[in-house]
Amino acid sequence: MNYSSILLVALLFLTGTTTALAKDPSAPQEYRDNGALYAVAVTTEDGTRQILVDTTGDGNFTPYTGSEPVPPPEWTSTR
């Protein structure tokens, strides 16, 4: 990880919403708000992007069909 990547991660963390940075485009991408994981996105081998969102904060993820970036659900702001 280079210096600019570290700065980007720190900036995203300080703003409350972070996403995992990965060199491998097929690696899962995490969406977090204030440290709470609320969505996971993966790219399949055929290039299809799949996004799962925890809409209630109970740990059960359901398919997301909206546009990216995935907005944080309301439950993340009440934690």
PDB file of N, CA and C in Angstrom:
ATOM      1  N   MET A   1       0.859  -1.163   0.000  1.00  0.00           N
ATOM      2  CA  MET A   1       0.000   0.000   0.000  1.00  0.00           C
ATOM      3  C   MET A   1       0.905   1.225   0.000  1.00  0.00           C
ATOM      4  N   ASN A   2       0.634   2.138  -0.921  1.00  0.00           N
ATOM      5  CA  ASN A   2       1.462   3.329  -0.995  1.00  0.00           C
ATOM      6  C   ASN A   2       0.879   4.466  -0.153  1.00  0.00           C
ATOM      7  N   TYR A   3       1.602   5.552  -0.085  1.00  0.00           N
ATOM      8  CA  TYR A   3       1.235   6.688   0.764  1.00  0.00           C
ATOM      9  C   TYR A   3      -0.123   7.273   0.381  1.00  0.00           C
ATOM     10  N   SER A   4      -0.406   7.407  -0.915  1.00  0.00           N
ATOM     11  CA  SER A   4      -1.686   7.990  -1.335  1.00  0.00           C
ATOM     12  C   SER A   4      -2.855   7.073  -0.982  1.00  0.00           C
ATOM     13  N   SER A   5      -2.650   5.760  -1.029  1.00  0.00           N
ATOM     14  CA  SER A   5      -3.707   4.829  -0.636  1.00  0.00           C
ATOM     15  C   SER A   5      -4.010   4.951   0.849  1.00  0.00           C
ATOM     16  N   ILE A   6      -2.961   5.113   1.650  1.00  0.00           N
ATOM     17  CA  ILE A   6      -3.143   5.263   3.097  1.00  0.00           C
ATOM     18  C   ILE A   6      -3.911   6.542   3.396  1.00  0.00           C
ATOM     19  N   LEU A   7      -3.578   7.622   2.707  1.00  0.00           N
ATOM     20  CA  LEU A   7      -4.297   8.876   2.908  1.00  0.00           C
ATOM     21  C   LEU A   7      -5.761   8.745   2.511  1.00  0.00           C
ATOM     22  N   LEU A   8      -6.033   8.055   1.413  1.00  0.00           N
ATOM     23  CA  LEU A   8      -7.406   7.875   0.955  1.00  0.00           C
ATOM     24  C   LEU A   8      -8.203   7.069   1.973  1.00  0.00           C
ATOM     25  N   VAL A   9      -7.633   6.002   2.484  1.00  0.00           N
ATOM     26  CA  VAL A   9      -8.307   5.182   3.489  1.00  0.00           C
ATOM     27  C   VAL A   9      -8.588   6.016   4.732  1.00  0.00           C
ATOM     28  N   ALA A  10      -7.615   6.802   5.175  1.00  0.00           N
ATOM     29  CA  ALA A  10      -7.802   7.645   6.359  1.00  0.00           C
ATOM     30  C   ALA A  10      -8.899   8.674   6.119  1.00  0.00           C
ATOM     31  N   LEU A  11      -8.916   9.284   4.963  1.00  0.00           N
ATOM     32  CA  LEU A  11      -9.939  10.276   4.641  1.00  0.00           C
ATOM     33  C   LEU A  11     -11.322   9.645   4.612  1.00  0.00           C
ATOM     34  N   LEU A  12     -11.452   8.498   3.984  1.00  0.00           N
ATOM     35  CA  LEU A  12     -12.748   7.820   3.939  1.00  0.00           C
ATOM     36  C   LEU A  12     -13.206   7.419   5.332  1.00  0.00           C
ATOM     37  N   PHE A  13     -12.280   6.979   6.159  1.00  0.00           N
ATOM     38  CA  PHE A  13     -12.623   6.590   7.527  1.00  0.00           C
ATOM     39  C   PHE A  13     -13.123   7.799   8.312  1.00  0.00           C
ATOM     40  N   LEU A  14     -12.453   8.923   8.175  1.00  0.00           N
ATOM     41  CA  LEU A  14     -12.828  10.115   8.925  1.00  0.00           C
ATOM     42  C   LEU A  14     -14.170  10.680   8.489  1.00  0.00           C
ATOM     43  N   THR A  15     -14.570  10.453   7.237  1.00  0.00           N
ATOM     44  CA  THR A  15     -15.853  10.967   6.764  1.00  0.00           C
ATOM     45  C   THR A  15     -17.011  10.071   7.170  1.00  0.00           C
ATOM     46  N   GLY A  16     -16.736   8.903   7.734  1.00  0.00           N
ATOM     47  CA  GLY A  16     -17.798   8.040   8.222  1.00  0.00           C
ATOM     48  C   GLY A  16     -18.113   6.878   7.309  1.00  0.00           C
ATOM     49  N   THR A  17     -17.945   7.017   6.020  1.00  0.00           N
ATOM     50  CA  THR A  17     -18.244   5.940   5.092  1.00  0.00           C
ATOM     51  C   THR A  17     -16.947   5.469   4.466  1.00  0.00           C
ATOM     52  N   THR A  18     -16.692   4.181   4.529  1.00  0.00           N
ATOM     53  CA  THR A  18     -15.482   3.649   3.941  1.00  0.00           C
ATOM     54  C   THR A  18     -15.814   2.504   3.009  1.00  0.00           C
ATOM     55  N   THR A  19     -14.969   2.279   2.062  1.00  0.00           N
ATOM     56  CA  THR A  19     -15.072   1.117   1.194  1.00  0.00           C
ATOM     57  C   THR A  19     -13.721   0.442   1.193  1.00  0.00           C
ATOM     58  N   ALA A  20     -13.729  -0.864   1.066  1.00  0.00           N
ATOM     59  CA  ALA A  20     -12.473  -1.612   1.041  1.00  0.00           C
ATOM     60  C   ALA A  20     -11.756  -1.337  -0.269  1.00  0.00           C
ATOM     61  N   LEU A  21     -10.472  -1.110  -0.193  1.00  0.00           N
ATOM     62  CA  LEU A  21      -9.665  -0.909  -1.382  1.00  0.00           C
ATOM     63  C   LEU A  21      -8.942  -2.215  -1.681  1.00  0.00           C
ATOM     64  N   ALA A  22      -9.046  -2.676  -2.906  1.00  0.00           N
ATOM     65  CA  ALA A  22      -8.409  -3.937  -3.269  1.00  0.00           C
ATOM     66  C   ALA A  22      -7.808  -3.807  -4.657  1.00  0.00           C
ATOM     67  N   LYS A  23      -6.671  -4.448  -4.857  1.00  0.00           N
ATOM     68  CA  LYS A  23      -6.041  -4.442  -6.174  1.00  0.00           C
ATOM     69  C   LYS A  23      -6.733  -5.422  -7.108  1.00  0.00           C
ATOM     70  N   ASP A  24      -7.334  -6.457  -6.560  1.00  0.00           N
ATOM     71  CA  ASP A  24      -8.030  -7.473  -7.340  1.00  0.00           C
ATOM     72  C   ASP A  24      -9.473  -7.025  -7.560  1.00  0.00           C
ATOM     73  N   PRO A  25      -9.888  -6.756  -8.812  1.00  0.00           N
ATOM     74  CA  PRO A  25     -11.250  -6.283  -9.051  1.00  0.00           C
ATOM     75  C   PRO A  25     -12.331  -7.293  -8.669  1.00  0.00           C
ATOM     76  N   SER A  26     -11.970  -8.566  -8.523  1.00  0.00           N
ATOM     77  CA  SER A  26     -12.965  -9.562  -8.136  1.00  0.00           C
ATOM     78  C   SER A  26     -13.071  -9.707  -6.614  1.00  0.00           C
ATOM     79  N   ALA A  27     -12.232  -8.980  -5.870  1.00  0.00           N
ATOM     80  CA  ALA A  27     -12.290  -9.033  -4.406  1.00  0.00           C
ATOM     81  C   ALA A  27     -13.562  -8.348  -3.918  1.00  0.00           C
ATOM     82  N   PRO A  28     -14.157  -8.857  -2.848  1.00  0.00           N
ATOM     83  CA  PRO A  28     -15.355  -8.209  -2.302  1.00  0.00           C
ATOM     84  C   PRO A  28     -15.066  -6.773  -1.879  1.00  0.00           C
ATOM     85  N   GLN A  29     -16.050  -5.907  -2.042  1.00  0.00           N
ATOM     86  CA  GLN A  29     -15.944  -4.510  -1.636  1.00  0.00           C
ATOM     87  C   GLN A  29     -16.944  -4.299  -0.511  1.00  0.00           C
ATOM     88  N   GLU A  30     -16.491  -3.737   0.589  1.00  0.00           N
ATOM     89  CA  GLU A  30     -17.350  -3.498   1.743  1.00  0.00           C
ATOM     90  C   GLU A  30     -17.809  -2.047   1.762  1.00  0.00           C
ATOM     91  N   TYR A  31     -19.048  -1.846   2.136  1.00  0.00           N
ATOM     92  CA  TYR A  31     -19.584  -0.509   2.373  1.00  0.00           C
ATOM     93  C   TYR A  31     -19.875  -0.406   3.862  1.00  0.00           C
ATOM     94  N   ARG A  32     -19.289   0.592   4.513  1.00  0.00           N
ATOM     95  CA  ARG A  32     -19.463   0.775   5.953  1.00  0.00           C
ATOM     96  C   ARG A  32     -19.849   2.217   6.253  1.00  0.00           C
ATOM     97  N   ASP A  33     -20.588   2.378   7.329  1.00  0.00           N
ATOM     98  CA  ASP A  33     -20.930   3.703   7.828  1.00  0.00           C
ATOM     99  C   ASP A  33     -20.686   3.686   9.326  1.00  0.00           C
ATOM    100  N   ASN A  34     -19.817   4.561   9.798  1.00  0.00           N
ATOM    101  CA  ASN A  34     -19.433   4.595  11.215  1.00  0.00           C
ATOM    102  C   ASN A  34     -19.001   3.219  11.710  1.00  0.00           C
ATOM    103  N   GLY A  35     -18.311   2.474  10.866  1.00  0.00           N
ATOM    104  CA  GLY A  35     -17.790   1.164  11.227  1.00  0.00           C
ATOM    105  C   GLY A  35     -18.760   0.015  11.020  1.00  0.00           C
ATOM    106  N   ALA A  36     -20.022   0.300  10.765  1.00  0.00           N
ATOM    107  CA  ALA A  36     -21.031  -0.749  10.595  1.00  0.00           C
ATOM    108  C   ALA A  36     -21.071  -1.216   9.135  1.00  0.00           C
ATOM    109  N   LEU A  37     -20.878  -2.518   8.935  1.00  0.00           N
ATOM    110  CA  LEU A  37     -20.954  -3.089   7.593  1.00  0.00           C
ATOM    111  C   LEU A  37     -22.412  -3.153   7.178  1.00  0.00           C
ATOM    112  N   TYR A  38     -22.760  -2.451   6.084  1.00  0.00           N
ATOM    113  CA  TYR A  38     -24.147  -2.462   5.634  1.00  0.00           C
ATOM    114  C   TYR A  38     -24.321  -3.004   4.216  1.00  0.00           C
ATOM    115  N   ALA A  39     -23.232  -3.192   3.473  1.00  0.00           N
ATOM    116  CA  ALA A  39     -23.351  -3.745   2.127  1.00  0.00           C
ATOM    117  C   ALA A  39     -22.041  -4.397   1.702  1.00  0.00           C
ATOM    118  N   VAL A  40     -22.160  -5.386   0.831  1.00  0.00           N
ATOM    119  CA  VAL A  40     -21.014  -6.076   0.259  1.00  0.00           C
ATOM    120  C   VAL A  40     -21.271  -6.197  -1.234  1.00  0.00           C
ATOM    121  N   ALA A  41     -20.268  -5.861  -2.032  1.00  0.00           N
ATOM    122  CA  ALA A  41     -20.378  -5.983  -3.489  1.00  0.00           C
ATOM    123  C   ALA A  41     -19.281  -6.907  -3.993  1.00  0.00           C
ATOM    124  N   VAL A  42     -19.632  -7.782  -4.912  1.00  0.00           N
ATOM    125  CA  VAL A  42     -18.663  -8.678  -5.535  1.00  0.00           C
ATOM    126  C   VAL A  42     -18.884  -8.660  -7.038  1.00  0.00           C
ATOM    127  N   THR A  43     -17.813  -8.899  -7.764  1.00  0.00           N
ATOM    128  CA  THR A  43     -17.894  -9.026  -9.214  1.00  0.00           C
ATOM    129  C   THR A  43     -17.600 -10.477  -9.547  1.00  0.00           C
ATOM    130  N   THR A  44     -18.540 -11.134 -10.216  1.00  0.00           N
ATOM    131  CA  THR A  44     -18.387 -12.536 -10.552  1.00  0.00           C
ATOM    132  C   THR A  44     -17.414 -12.700 -11.717  1.00  0.00           C
ATOM    133  N   GLU A  45     -17.052 -13.950 -12.002  1.00  0.00           N
ATOM    134  CA  GLU A  45     -16.094 -14.209 -13.086  1.00  0.00           C
ATOM    135  C   GLU A  45     -16.604 -13.718 -14.435  1.00  0.00           C
ATOM    136  N   ASP A  46     -17.916 -13.705 -14.633  1.00  0.00           N
ATOM    137  CA  ASP A  46     -18.461 -13.238 -15.911  1.00  0.00           C
ATOM    138  C   ASP A  46     -18.652 -11.719 -15.948  1.00  0.00           C
ATOM    139  N   GLY A  47     -18.212 -11.020 -14.880  1.00  0.00           N
ATOM    140  CA  GLY A  47     -18.263  -9.563 -14.858  1.00  0.00           C
ATOM    141  C   GLY A  47     -19.532  -8.979 -14.268  1.00  0.00           C
ATOM    142  N   THR A  48     -20.446  -9.825 -13.813  1.00  0.00           N
ATOM    143  CA  THR A  48     -21.687  -9.351 -13.213  1.00  0.00           C
ATOM    144  C   THR A  48     -21.411  -8.819 -11.813  1.00  0.00           C
ATOM    145  N   ARG A  49     -21.941  -7.666 -11.505  1.00  0.00           N
ATOM    146  CA  ARG A  49     -21.773  -7.051 -10.183  1.00  0.00           C
ATOM    147  C   ARG A  49     -22.972  -7.420  -9.317  1.00  0.00           C
ATOM    148  N   GLN A  50     -22.712  -8.022  -8.168  1.00  0.00           N
ATOM    149  CA  GLN A  50     -23.751  -8.410  -7.221  1.00  0.00           C
ATOM    150  C   GLN A  50     -23.557  -7.603  -5.942  1.00  0.00           C
ATOM    151  N   ILE A  51     -24.627  -6.983  -5.463  1.00  0.00           N
ATOM    152  CA  ILE A  51     -24.565  -6.191  -4.241  1.00  0.00           C
ATOM    153  C   ILE A  51     -25.615  -6.714  -3.268  1.00  0.00           C
ATOM    154  N   LEU A  52     -25.181  -6.930  -2.023  1.00  0.00           N
ATOM    155  CA  LEU A  52     -26.081  -7.363  -0.962  1.00  0.00           C
ATOM    156  C   LEU A  52     -26.078  -6.302   0.132  1.00  0.00           C
ATOM    157  N   VAL A  53     -27.265  -5.950   0.648  1.00  0.00           N
ATOM    158  CA  VAL A  53     -27.406  -4.877   1.631  1.00  0.00           C
ATOM    159  C   VAL A  53     -28.144  -5.386   2.867  1.00  0.00           C
ATOM    160  N   ASP A  54     -27.651  -4.987   4.034  1.00  0.00           N
ATOM    161  CA  ASP A  54     -28.330  -5.255   5.302  1.00  0.00           C
ATOM    162  C   ASP A  54     -29.214  -4.045   5.574  1.00  0.00           C
ATOM    163  N   THR A  55     -30.504  -4.151   5.274  1.00  0.00           N
ATOM    164  CA  THR A  55     -31.405  -2.998   5.373  1.00  0.00           C
ATOM    165  C   THR A  55     -31.912  -2.722   6.779  1.00  0.00           C
ATOM    166  N   THR A  56     -31.808  -3.720   7.680  1.00  0.00           N
ATOM    167  CA  THR A  56     -32.371  -3.546   9.019  1.00  0.00           C
ATOM    168  C   THR A  56     -31.341  -3.610  10.139  1.00  0.00           C
ATOM    169  N   GLY A  57     -30.108  -3.987   9.841  1.00  0.00           N
ATOM    170  CA  GLY A  57     -29.073  -4.077  10.858  1.00  0.00           C
ATOM    171  C   GLY A  57     -29.062  -5.396  11.600  1.00  0.00           C
ATOM    172  N   ASP A  58     -29.790  -6.395  11.084  1.00  0.00           N
ATOM    173  CA  ASP A  58     -29.860  -7.695  11.756  1.00  0.00           C
ATOM    174  C   ASP A  58     -28.839  -8.695  11.224  1.00  0.00           C
ATOM    175  N   GLY A  59     -28.022  -8.287  10.247  1.00  0.00           N
ATOM    176  CA  GLY A  59     -27.003  -9.178   9.700  1.00  0.00           C
ATOM    177  C   GLY A  59     -27.468 -10.002   8.519  1.00  0.00           C
ATOM    178  N   ASN A  60     -28.741  -9.866   8.135  1.00  0.00           N
ATOM    179  CA  ASN A  60     -29.257 -10.567   6.961  1.00  0.00           C
ATOM    180  C   ASN A  60     -29.164  -9.643   5.755  1.00  0.00           C
ATOM    181  N   PHE A  61     -28.455 -10.096   4.736  1.00  0.00           N
ATOM    182  CA  PHE A  61     -28.217  -9.288   3.543  1.00  0.00           C
ATOM    183  C   PHE A  61     -29.160  -9.721   2.427  1.00  0.00           C
ATOM    184  N   THR A  62     -29.741  -8.741   1.741  1.00  0.00           N
ATOM    185  CA  THR A  62     -30.650  -8.995   0.630  1.00  0.00           C
ATOM    186  C   THR A  62     -30.102  -8.319  -0.621  1.00  0.00           C
ATOM    187  N   PRO A  63     -30.468  -8.826  -1.810  1.00  0.00           N
ATOM    188  CA  PRO A  63     -29.973  -8.228  -3.050  1.00  0.00           C
ATOM    189  C   PRO A  63     -30.393  -6.757  -3.186  1.00  0.00           C
ATOM    190  N   TYR A  64     -29.475  -5.965  -3.706  1.00  0.00           N
ATOM    191  CA  TYR A  64     -29.699  -4.537  -3.924  1.00  0.00           C
ATOM    192  C   TYR A  64     -29.742  -4.286  -5.418  1.00  0.00           C
ATOM    193  N   THR A  65     -30.769  -3.588  -5.878  1.00  0.00           N
ATOM    194  CA  THR A  65     -30.911  -3.343  -7.310  1.00  0.00           C
ATOM    195  C   THR A  65     -30.795  -1.871  -7.679  1.00  0.00           C
ATOM    196  N   GLY A  66     -30.509  -1.021  -6.707  1.00  0.00           N
ATOM    197  CA  GLY A  66     -30.367   0.408  -6.979  1.00  0.00           C
ATOM    198  C   GLY A  66     -29.026   0.738  -7.604  1.00  0.00           C
ATOM    199  N   SER A  67     -28.776   2.025  -7.766  1.00  0.00           N
ATOM    200  CA  SER A  67     -27.525   2.469  -8.372  1.00  0.00           C
ATOM    201  C   SER A  67     -26.456   2.650  -7.306  1.00  0.00           C
ATOM    202  N   GLU A  68     -25.200   2.642  -7.752  1.00  0.00           N
ATOM    203  CA  GLU A  68     -24.080   2.860  -6.836  1.00  0.00           C
ATOM    204  C   GLU A  68     -23.723   4.336  -6.842  1.00  0.00           C
ATOM    205  N   PRO A  69     -23.146   4.864  -5.791  1.00  0.00           N
ATOM    206  CA  PRO A  69     -22.772   4.189  -4.559  1.00  0.00           C
ATOM    207  C   PRO A  69     -24.008   3.851  -3.735  1.00  0.00           C
ATOM    208  N   VAL A  70     -23.881   2.795  -2.952  1.00  0.00           N
ATOM    209  CA  VAL A  70     -24.986   2.324  -2.123  1.00  0.00           C
ATOM    210  C   VAL A  70     -25.137   3.265  -0.931  1.00  0.00           C
ATOM    211  N   PRO A  71     -26.302   3.887  -0.768  1.00  0.00           N
ATOM    212  CA  PRO A  71     -26.468   4.792   0.374  1.00  0.00           C
ATOM    213  C   PRO A  71     -26.587   4.016   1.681  1.00  0.00           C
ATOM    214  N   PRO A  72     -26.064   4.555   2.774  1.00  0.00           N
ATOM    215  CA  PRO A  72     -26.181   3.860   4.061  1.00  0.00           C
ATOM    216  C   PRO A  72     -27.646   3.778   4.494  1.00  0.00           C
ATOM    217  N   PRO A  73     -28.085   2.626   4.999  1.00  0.00           N
ATOM    218  CA  PRO A  73     -29.445   2.526   5.530  1.00  0.00           C
ATOM    219  C   PRO A  73     -29.594   3.396   6.775  1.00  0.00           C
ATOM    220  N   GLU A  74     -30.829   3.700   7.125  1.00  0.00           N
ATOM    221  CA  GLU A  74     -31.095   4.565   8.259  1.00  0.00           C
ATOM    222  C   GLU A  74     -30.579   3.991   9.579  1.00  0.00           C
ATOM    223  N   TRP A  75     -30.557   2.666   9.725  1.00  0.00           N
ATOM    224  CA  TRP A  75     -30.151   2.056  10.994  1.00  0.00           C
ATOM    225  C   TRP A  75     -28.703   2.366  11.353  1.00  0.00           C
ATOM    226  N   THR A  76     -27.857   2.657  10.346  1.00  0.00           N
ATOM    227  CA  THR A  76     -26.446   2.919  10.656  1.00  0.00           C
ATOM    228  C   THR A  76     -26.261   4.248  11.394  1.00  0.00           C
ATOM    229  N   SER A  77     -27.183   5.181  11.234  1.00  0.00           N
ATOM    230  CA  SER A  77     -27.050   6.470  11.894  1.00  0.00           C
ATOM    231  C   SER A  77     -27.619   6.452  13.316  1.00  0.00           C
ATOM    232  N   THR A  78     -28.352   5.388  13.663  1.00  0.00           N
ATOM    233  CA  THR A  78     -28.942   5.303  15.009  1.00  0.00           C
ATOM    234  C   THR A  78     -28.155   4.388  15.923  1.00  0.00           C
ATOM    235  N   ARG A  79     -27.025   3.874  15.464  1.00  0.00           N
ATOM    236  CA  ARG A  79     -26.196   2.982  16.290  1.00  0.00           C
ATOM    237  C   ARG A  79     -25.497   3.740  17.368  1.00  0.00           C
TER     238      ARG A  79
END
